[in-house]
Amino acid sequence: MGKKIIKAVTLSLALCLIFGAVAVPAYAAKKKDRSTITIGIDPGHQSRADTSKEPDAPGSSTKKYKVTGGTSGKYTHLPEYKLTLQVAKKLRKELESRGYKVVMTRTKNDVNISNSKRARKLNKKCDIAIRLHADGAASASANGASMQCSSKNNKYIGSLYSKCNKLSKKILASYCRKTGMKNRGISYRDDLTGTNFSTIPVTLIEMGFMSNKSDDTYMANSKNQTKMAEGIADGIDDYFGF
């Protein structure tokens, strides 16, 4: 009787192997696919602004500051450039844990990298680019997260509009779902240097208002920053269909 059981088990395993019933776990398979994708992260701003100017797009006669210092928390006094780097590092860790490759435009605050240079760096090695920023407003009541995306009429990156728009929608939805932030929707802008110089799908997330007490204190908290990173990573997964 024992020999019959052994033969039956052996036959069953053989059939599973032949017909694919014994498979690699779904997450492991997807993780392998992620390893072929490189995500670019641009933590917005830097410790010192560079107010010399550069074209706001390739060949444009319109010039803008190369990079500004950003805003800061009205209640936490955390500078935007520090916040974006804190979240960027957590996002890199989260994405790498899922199997993606990651390139960052900066890993410290004391740098001087223009917005066009940031875009060019990510263009070289990345499949998509995520620009991290935080908002500010005169009214302390303004709150929530939003995306800034190029329009379909953008003559520099308009050909990537559908991909940029999809990326924006996916990240905003998952980010707000994960953090509980108000979803303020997408703003379509064609005056962003870091976007206009991109040759890959790109979007900019305004992660919350540093002028709003609730948003400001939420974003300054390390555990919440992990949620923020996870929300962005979930959106990237959704974009690529994982």
C-alpha atoms as a PDB file:
ATOM      1  CA  MET A   1       0.000   0.000   0.000  1.00  0.00           C
ATOM      2  CA  GLY A   2       2.877   2.319   0.896  1.00  0.00           C
ATOM      3  CA  LYS A   3       4.524   1.761  -2.505  1.00  0.00           C
ATOM      4  CA  LYS A   4       1.274   2.665  -4.304  1.00  0.00           C
ATOM      5  CA  ILE A   5       1.051   5.954  -2.394  1.00  0.00           C
ATOM      6  CA  ILE A   6       4.648   6.813  -3.228  1.00  0.00           C
ATOM      7  CA  LYS A   7       4.050   6.058  -6.922  1.00  0.00           C
ATOM      8  CA  ALA A   8       0.884   8.209  -6.905  1.00  0.00           C
ATOM      9  CA  VAL A   9       2.684  11.158  -5.303  1.00  0.00           C
ATOM     10  CA  THR A  10       5.584  10.823  -7.758  1.00  0.00           C
ATOM     11  CA  LEU A  11       3.188  10.739 -10.711  1.00  0.00           C
ATOM     12  CA  SER A  12       1.301  13.773  -9.355  1.00  0.00           C
ATOM     13  CA  LEU A  13       4.481  15.825  -8.997  1.00  0.00           C
ATOM     14  CA  ALA A  14       5.581  14.846 -12.477  1.00  0.00           C
ATOM     15  CA  LEU A  15       2.271  15.981 -13.969  1.00  0.00           C
ATOM     16  CA  CYS A  16       2.462  19.280 -12.045  1.00  0.00           C
ATOM     17  CA  LEU A  17       5.896  19.974 -13.439  1.00  0.00           C
ATOM     18  CA  ILE A  18       4.806  19.081 -16.972  1.00  0.00           C
ATOM     19  CA  PHE A  19       1.633  21.183 -16.953  1.00  0.00           C
ATOM     20  CA  GLY A  20       2.946  24.065 -14.883  1.00  0.00           C
ATOM     21  CA  ALA A  21       0.858  23.542 -11.753  1.00  0.00           C
ATOM     22  CA  VAL A  22       4.012  24.006  -9.694  1.00  0.00           C
ATOM     23  CA  ALA A  23       4.889  27.585 -10.528  1.00  0.00           C
ATOM     24  CA  VAL A  24       7.027  30.408  -9.222  1.00  0.00           C
ATOM     25  CA  PRO A  25       4.990  32.544  -6.799  1.00  0.00           C
ATOM     26  CA  ALA A  26       3.320  35.475  -8.572  1.00  0.00           C
ATOM     27  CA  TYR A  27       5.172  38.113  -6.560  1.00  0.00           C
ATOM     28  CA  ALA A  28       8.531  36.496  -7.264  1.00  0.00           C
ATOM     29  CA  ALA A  29       7.770  36.424 -10.974  1.00  0.00           C
ATOM     30  CA  LYS A  30       6.774  40.074 -10.961  1.00  0.00           C
ATOM     31  CA  LYS A  31       9.833  40.985  -8.926  1.00  0.00           C
ATOM     32  CA  LYS A  32      11.994  39.470 -11.653  1.00  0.00           C
ATOM     33  CA  ASP A  33      10.196  41.621 -14.236  1.00  0.00           C
ATOM     34  CA  ARG A  34      10.746  44.728 -12.117  1.00  0.00           C
ATOM     35  CA  SER A  35      14.499  44.188 -12.266  1.00  0.00           C
ATOM     36  CA  THR A  36      14.471  45.273 -15.908  1.00  0.00           C
ATOM     37  CA  ILE A  37      12.915  48.648 -15.014  1.00  0.00           C
ATOM     38  CA  THR A  38      14.794  51.676 -13.710  1.00  0.00           C
ATOM     39  CA  ILE A  39      12.947  54.408 -11.827  1.00  0.00           C
ATOM     40  CA  GLY A  40      14.323  57.938 -11.715  1.00  0.00           C
ATOM     41  CA  ILE A  41      13.700  60.006  -8.575  1.00  0.00           C
ATOM     42  CA  ASP A  42      14.318  63.747  -8.390  1.00  0.00           C
ATOM     43  CA  PRO A  43      14.074  65.116  -4.832  1.00  0.00           C
ATOM     44  CA  GLY A  44      13.048  68.687  -5.613  1.00  0.00           C
ATOM     45  CA  HIS A  45      15.202  71.706  -4.754  1.00  0.00           C
ATOM     46  CA  GLN A  46      18.476  71.873  -2.802  1.00  0.00           C
ATOM     47  CA  SER A  47      19.914  73.673   0.223  1.00  0.00           C
ATOM     48  CA  ARG A  48      20.886  76.779  -1.740  1.00  0.00           C
ATOM     49  CA  ALA A  49      19.066  78.189  -4.739  1.00  0.00           C
ATOM     50  CA  ASP A  50      20.816  78.896  -8.017  1.00  0.00           C
ATOM     51  CA  THR A  51      19.121  81.967  -9.443  1.00  0.00           C
ATOM     52  CA  SER A  52      21.198  82.063 -12.590  1.00  0.00           C
ATOM     53  CA  LYS A  53      18.970  81.129 -15.508  1.00  0.00           C
ATOM     54  CA  GLU A  54      18.610  78.394 -18.083  1.00  0.00           C
ATOM     55  CA  PRO A  55      16.108  77.750 -20.921  1.00  0.00           C
ATOM     56  CA  ASP A  56      12.831  76.278 -19.680  1.00  0.00           C
ATOM     57  CA  ALA A  57      12.921  73.775 -22.557  1.00  0.00           C
ATOM     58  CA  PRO A  58      15.362  72.622 -25.246  1.00  0.00           C
ATOM     59  CA  GLY A  59      15.967  75.527 -27.625  1.00  0.00           C
ATOM     60  CA  SER A  60      13.553  77.824 -25.761  1.00  0.00           C
ATOM     61  CA  SER A  61      14.212  81.556 -25.496  1.00  0.00           C
ATOM     62  CA  THR A  62      12.305  81.672 -22.202  1.00  0.00           C
ATOM     63  CA  LYS A  63      14.613  81.352 -19.226  1.00  0.00           C
ATOM     64  CA  LYS A  64      13.955  80.451 -15.595  1.00  0.00           C
ATOM     65  CA  TYR A  65      15.990  80.032 -12.398  1.00  0.00           C
ATOM     66  CA  LYS A  66      18.104  76.897 -12.613  1.00  0.00           C
ATOM     67  CA  VAL A  67      16.806  75.668  -9.249  1.00  0.00           C
ATOM     68  CA  THR A  68      15.129  77.267  -6.264  1.00  0.00           C
ATOM     69  CA  GLY A  69      15.381  76.505  -2.552  1.00  0.00           C
ATOM     70  CA  GLY A  70      11.698  75.636  -2.209  1.00  0.00           C
ATOM     71  CA  THR A  71       9.300  76.347   0.634  1.00  0.00           C
ATOM     72  CA  SER A  72       9.384  75.160   4.262  1.00  0.00           C
ATOM     73  CA  GLY A  73       6.996  73.895   6.918  1.00  0.00           C
ATOM     74  CA  LYS A  74       5.035  76.689   8.548  1.00  0.00           C
ATOM     75  CA  TYR A  75       4.621  74.598  11.689  1.00  0.00           C
ATOM     76  CA  THR A  76       7.525  72.121  11.579  1.00  0.00           C
ATOM     77  CA  HIS A  77      10.018  74.511   9.938  1.00  0.00           C
ATOM     78  CA  LEU A  78      11.273  71.568   7.875  1.00  0.00           C
ATOM     79  CA  PRO A  79      12.672  72.857   4.552  1.00  0.00           C
ATOM     80  CA  GLU A  80      11.120  71.389   1.440  1.00  0.00           C
ATOM     81  CA  TYR A  81      14.500  70.301   0.083  1.00  0.00           C
ATOM     82  CA  LYS A  82      15.071  68.188   3.220  1.00  0.00           C
ATOM     83  CA  LEU A  83      11.576  66.706   3.096  1.00  0.00           C
ATOM     84  CA  THR A  84      11.866  65.681  -0.541  1.00  0.00           C
ATOM     85  CA  LEU A  85      15.199  63.955   0.063  1.00  0.00           C
ATOM     86  CA  GLN A  86      13.881  62.140   3.143  1.00  0.00           C
ATOM     87  CA  VAL A  87      10.948  60.775   1.160  1.00  0.00           C
ATOM     88  CA  ALA A  88      13.145  60.047  -1.863  1.00  0.00           C
ATOM     89  CA  LYS A  89      15.455  57.844   0.180  1.00  0.00           C
ATOM     90  CA  LYS A  90      12.498  55.911   1.591  1.00  0.00           C
ATOM     91  CA  LEU A  91      11.030  55.609  -1.904  1.00  0.00           C
ATOM     92  CA  ARG A  92      14.327  54.277  -3.237  1.00  0.00           C
ATOM     93  CA  LYS A  93      14.442  51.671  -0.463  1.00  0.00           C
ATOM     94  CA  GLU A  94      10.829  50.642  -1.125  1.00  0.00           C
ATOM     95  CA  LEU A  95      11.283  50.382  -4.881  1.00  0.00           C
ATOM     96  CA  GLU A  96      14.505  48.409  -4.567  1.00  0.00           C
ATOM     97  CA  SER A  97      12.813  46.018  -2.136  1.00  0.00           C
ATOM     98  CA  ARG A  98      10.233  45.361  -4.868  1.00  0.00           C
ATOM     99  CA  GLY A  99      12.956  44.610  -7.403  1.00  0.00           C
ATOM    100  CA  TYR A 100      13.253  47.886  -9.342  1.00  0.00           C
ATOM    101  CA  LYS A 101      16.508  49.646 -10.131  1.00  0.00           C
ATOM    102  CA  VAL A 102      16.640  53.271  -8.968  1.00  0.00           C
ATOM    103  CA  VAL A 103      18.599  56.372  -9.992  1.00  0.00           C
ATOM    104  CA  MET A 104      18.412  59.572  -7.929  1.00  0.00           C
ATOM    105  CA  THR A 105      19.391  63.043  -9.095  1.00  0.00           C
ATOM    106  CA  ARG A 106      20.826  63.816  -5.683  1.00  0.00           C
ATOM    107  CA  THR A 107      21.503  61.993  -2.408  1.00  0.00           C
ATOM    108  CA  LYS A 108      22.446  65.012  -0.300  1.00  0.00           C
ATOM    109  CA  ASN A 109      21.194  68.555   0.138  1.00  0.00           C
ATOM    110  CA  ASP A 110      24.427  70.468  -0.430  1.00  0.00           C
ATOM    111  CA  VAL A 111      24.504  70.248  -4.219  1.00  0.00           C
ATOM    112  CA  ASN A 112      23.983  72.548  -7.172  1.00  0.00           C
ATOM    113  CA  ILE A 113      22.133  70.719  -9.945  1.00  0.00           C
ATOM    114  CA  SER A 114      19.871  72.616 -12.322  1.00  0.00           C
ATOM    115  CA  ASN A 115      16.459  71.278 -13.279  1.00  0.00           C
ATOM    116  CA  SER A 116      17.561  70.596 -16.853  1.00  0.00           C
ATOM    117  CA  LYS A 117      20.601  68.645 -15.630  1.00  0.00           C
ATOM    118  CA  ARG A 118      18.395  66.580 -13.341  1.00  0.00           C
ATOM    119  CA  ALA A 119      16.174  65.640 -16.274  1.00  0.00           C
ATOM    120  CA  ARG A 120      19.124  64.784 -18.483  1.00  0.00           C
ATOM    121  CA  LYS A 121      20.617  62.538 -15.816  1.00  0.00           C
ATOM    122  CA  LEU A 122      17.421  60.523 -15.517  1.00  0.00           C
ATOM    123  CA  ASN A 123      16.913  60.414 -19.292  1.00  0.00           C
ATOM    124  CA  LYS A 124      20.137  58.441 -19.687  1.00  0.00           C
ATOM    125  CA  LYS A 125      19.263  55.394 -17.590  1.00  0.00           C
ATOM    126  CA  CYS A 126      15.622  55.493 -16.493  1.00  0.00           C
ATOM    127  CA  ASP A 127      12.290  54.305 -17.846  1.00  0.00           C
ATOM    128  CA  ILE A 128      10.236  56.904 -15.953  1.00  0.00           C
ATOM    129  CA  ALA A 129      10.958  59.893 -13.716  1.00  0.00           C
ATOM    130  CA  ILE A 130       9.212  60.974 -10.501  1.00  0.00           C
ATOM    131  CA  ARG A 131       9.783  64.523  -9.279  1.00  0.00           C
ATOM    132  CA  LEU A 132       9.100  65.007  -5.560  1.00  0.00           C
ATOM    133  CA  HIS A 133       7.878  68.358  -4.244  1.00  0.00           C
ATOM    134  CA  ALA A 134       5.640  69.859  -1.562  1.00  0.00           C
ATOM    135  CA  ASP A 135       3.166  72.709  -1.908  1.00  0.00           C
ATOM    136  CA  GLY A 136       2.619  76.018  -0.172  1.00  0.00           C
ATOM    137  CA  ALA A 137      -0.214  78.555  -0.172  1.00  0.00           C
ATOM    138  CA  ALA A 138      -1.143  81.884   1.348  1.00  0.00           C
ATOM    139  CA  SER A 139      -4.168  80.248   2.937  1.00  0.00           C
ATOM    140  CA  ALA A 140      -3.420  77.764   5.725  1.00  0.00           C
ATOM    141  CA  SER A 141      -6.611  75.881   4.868  1.00  0.00           C
ATOM    142  CA  ALA A 142      -5.320  74.639   1.495  1.00  0.00           C
ATOM    143  CA  ASN A 143      -4.433  70.982   1.838  1.00  0.00           C
ATOM    144  CA  GLY A 144      -3.923  67.733  -0.050  1.00  0.00           C
ATOM    145  CA  ALA A 145      -1.799  66.247  -2.805  1.00  0.00           C
ATOM    146  CA  SER A 146      -1.754  66.905  -6.537  1.00  0.00           C
ATOM    147  CA  MET A 147       0.243  66.113  -9.660  1.00  0.00           C
ATOM    148  CA  GLN A 148       1.775  68.382 -12.269  1.00  0.00           C
ATOM    149  CA  CYS A 149       1.850  66.870 -15.744  1.00  0.00           C
ATOM    150  CA  SER A 150       2.670  68.157 -19.208  1.00  0.00           C
ATOM    151  CA  SER A 151      -0.289  68.789 -21.500  1.00  0.00           C
ATOM    152  CA  LYS A 152      -0.971  66.987 -24.771  1.00  0.00           C
ATOM    153  CA  ASN A 153      -0.063  70.215 -26.595  1.00  0.00           C
ATOM    154  CA  ASN A 154       3.436  70.427 -25.105  1.00  0.00           C
ATOM    155  CA  LYS A 155       5.744  70.634 -28.126  1.00  0.00           C
ATOM    156  CA  TYR A 156       8.689  69.230 -26.193  1.00  0.00           C
ATOM    157  CA  ILE A 157       7.188  66.197 -24.473  1.00  0.00           C
ATOM    158  CA  GLY A 158       3.646  66.145 -25.836  1.00  0.00           C
ATOM    159  CA  SER A 159       4.295  62.834 -27.598  1.00  0.00           C
ATOM    160  CA  LEU A 160       4.567  61.230 -24.156  1.00  0.00           C
ATOM    161  CA  TYR A 161       1.392  62.844 -22.841  1.00  0.00           C
ATOM    162  CA  SER A 162      -0.658  59.652 -22.537  1.00  0.00           C
ATOM    163  CA  LYS A 163       2.077  57.919 -20.575  1.00  0.00           C
ATOM    164  CA  CYS A 164       2.758  60.956 -18.373  1.00  0.00           C
ATOM    165  CA  ASN A 165      -0.950  61.355 -17.708  1.00  0.00           C
ATOM    166  CA  LYS A 166      -1.371  57.674 -16.854  1.00  0.00           C
ATOM    167  CA  LEU A 167       1.626  57.809 -14.518  1.00  0.00           C
ATOM    168  CA  SER A 168       0.214  60.913 -12.823  1.00  0.00           C
ATOM    169  CA  LYS A 169      -3.215  59.362 -12.291  1.00  0.00           C
ATOM    170  CA  LYS A 170      -1.866  56.075 -10.953  1.00  0.00           C
ATOM    171  CA  ILE A 171       0.510  57.676  -8.469  1.00  0.00           C
ATOM    172  CA  LEU A 172      -1.958  60.271  -7.206  1.00  0.00           C
ATOM    173  CA  ALA A 173      -4.708  57.702  -6.631  1.00  0.00           C
ATOM    174  CA  SER A 174      -2.498  55.262  -4.741  1.00  0.00           C
ATOM    175  CA  TYR A 175      -0.701  57.991  -2.801  1.00  0.00           C
ATOM    176  CA  CYS A 176      -3.934  59.515  -1.537  1.00  0.00           C
ATOM    177  CA  ARG A 177      -5.349  56.090  -0.778  1.00  0.00           C
ATOM    178  CA  LYS A 178      -2.287  55.158   1.281  1.00  0.00           C
ATOM    179  CA  THR A 179      -1.859  58.454   3.130  1.00  0.00           C
ATOM    180  CA  GLY A 180      -5.444  59.655   3.426  1.00  0.00           C
ATOM    181  CA  MET A 181      -4.436  62.957   1.807  1.00  0.00           C
ATOM    182  CA  LYS A 182      -7.053  64.902  -0.102  1.00  0.00           C
ATOM    183  CA  ASN A 183      -6.855  64.257  -3.858  1.00  0.00           C
ATOM    184  CA  ARG A 184      -6.584  67.656  -5.555  1.00  0.00           C
ATOM    185  CA  GLY A 185      -6.244  66.241  -9.053  1.00  0.00           C
ATOM    186  CA  ILE A 186      -3.803  66.948 -11.867  1.00  0.00           C
ATOM    187  CA  SER A 187      -2.564  70.318 -13.110  1.00  0.00           C
ATOM    188  CA  TYR A 188      -1.394  70.356 -16.724  1.00  0.00           C
ATOM    189  CA  ARG A 189       1.606  72.643 -17.107  1.00  0.00           C
ATOM    190  CA  ASP A 190       4.079  73.230 -19.905  1.00  0.00           C
ATOM    191  CA  ASP A 191       6.388  75.646 -18.098  1.00  0.00           C
ATOM    192  CA  LEU A 192       8.306  73.182 -15.922  1.00  0.00           C
ATOM    193  CA  THR A 193      11.959  72.926 -16.953  1.00  0.00           C
ATOM    194  CA  GLY A 194      12.519  69.523 -15.375  1.00  0.00           C
ATOM    195  CA  THR A 195       9.548  68.171 -17.290  1.00  0.00           C
ATOM    196  CA  ASN A 196      10.264  69.848 -20.630  1.00  0.00           C
ATOM    197  CA  PHE A 197      13.802  68.446 -20.754  1.00  0.00           C
ATOM    198  CA  SER A 198      12.584  64.921 -20.072  1.00  0.00           C
ATOM    199  CA  THR A 199      12.574  62.361 -22.860  1.00  0.00           C
ATOM    200  CA  ILE A 200      10.901  59.694 -20.717  1.00  0.00           C
ATOM    201  CA  PRO A 201       7.471  59.631 -19.037  1.00  0.00           C
ATOM    202  CA  VAL A 202       7.641  62.031 -16.099  1.00  0.00           C
ATOM    203  CA  THR A 203       5.373  63.494 -13.446  1.00  0.00           C
ATOM    204  CA  LEU A 204       5.714  65.812 -10.478  1.00  0.00           C
ATOM    205  CA  ILE A 205       3.924  65.111  -7.210  1.00  0.00           C
ATOM    206  CA  GLU A 206       3.061  67.863  -4.750  1.00  0.00           C
ATOM    207  CA  MET A 207       2.956  65.611  -1.696  1.00  0.00           C
ATOM    208  CA  GLY A 208       1.013  68.013   0.532  1.00  0.00           C
ATOM    209  CA  PHE A 209       0.906  71.611   1.735  1.00  0.00           C
ATOM    210  CA  MET A 210       3.701  72.719   4.047  1.00  0.00           C
ATOM    211  CA  SER A 211       1.551  75.756   4.823  1.00  0.00           C
ATOM    212  CA  ASN A 212      -1.205  73.540   6.268  1.00  0.00           C
ATOM    213  CA  LYS A 213      -0.766  72.294   9.837  1.00  0.00           C
ATOM    214  CA  SER A 214      -2.183  68.828   9.238  1.00  0.00           C
ATOM    215  CA  ASP A 215      -0.233  68.199   6.025  1.00  0.00           C
ATOM    216  CA  ASP A 216       2.960  69.766   7.362  1.00  0.00           C
ATOM    217  CA  THR A 217       3.075  67.720  10.565  1.00  0.00           C
ATOM    218  CA  TYR A 218       2.037  64.566   8.719  1.00  0.00           C
ATOM    219  CA  MET A 219       4.803  64.827   6.127  1.00  0.00           C
ATOM    220  CA  ALA A 220       7.512  65.559   8.695  1.00  0.00           C
ATOM    221  CA  ASN A 221       6.834  62.273  10.509  1.00  0.00           C
ATOM    222  CA  SER A 222       9.202  59.470   9.493  1.00  0.00           C
ATOM    223  CA  LYS A 223       6.555  56.718   9.710  1.00  0.00           C
ATOM    224  CA  ASN A 224       4.221  58.764   7.554  1.00  0.00           C
ATOM    225  CA  GLN A 225       7.018  59.326   5.052  1.00  0.00           C
ATOM    226  CA  THR A 226       7.246  55.543   4.727  1.00  0.00           C
ATOM    227  CA  LYS A 227       3.529  55.464   3.884  1.00  0.00           C
ATOM    228  CA  MET A 228       4.064  58.256   1.372  1.00  0.00           C
ATOM    229  CA  ALA A 229       6.845  56.275  -0.280  1.00  0.00           C
ATOM    230  CA  GLU A 230       4.719  53.127  -0.333  1.00  0.00           C
ATOM    231  CA  GLY A 231       1.841  55.019  -1.917  1.00  0.00           C
ATOM    232  CA  ILE A 232       4.062  56.346  -4.699  1.00  0.00           C
ATOM    233  CA  ALA A 233       5.578  52.896  -5.221  1.00  0.00           C
ATOM    234  CA  ASP A 234       2.087  51.356  -5.435  1.00  0.00           C
ATOM    235  CA  GLY A 235       1.261  53.847  -8.174  1.00  0.00           C
ATOM    236  CA  ILE A 236       4.404  52.906 -10.071  1.00  0.00           C
ATOM    237  CA  ASP A 237       3.414  49.244  -9.776  1.00  0.00           C
ATOM    238  CA  ASP A 238      -0.043  50.105 -11.121  1.00  0.00           C
ATOM    239  CA  TYR A 239       1.490  52.038 -14.021  1.00  0.00           C
ATOM    240  CA  PHE A 240       3.581  49.053 -15.097  1.00  0.00           C
ATOM    241  CA  GLY A 241       0.762  46.606 -14.475  1.00  0.00           C
ATOM    242  CA  PHE A 242       2.156  44.710 -11.500  1.00  0.00           C
END
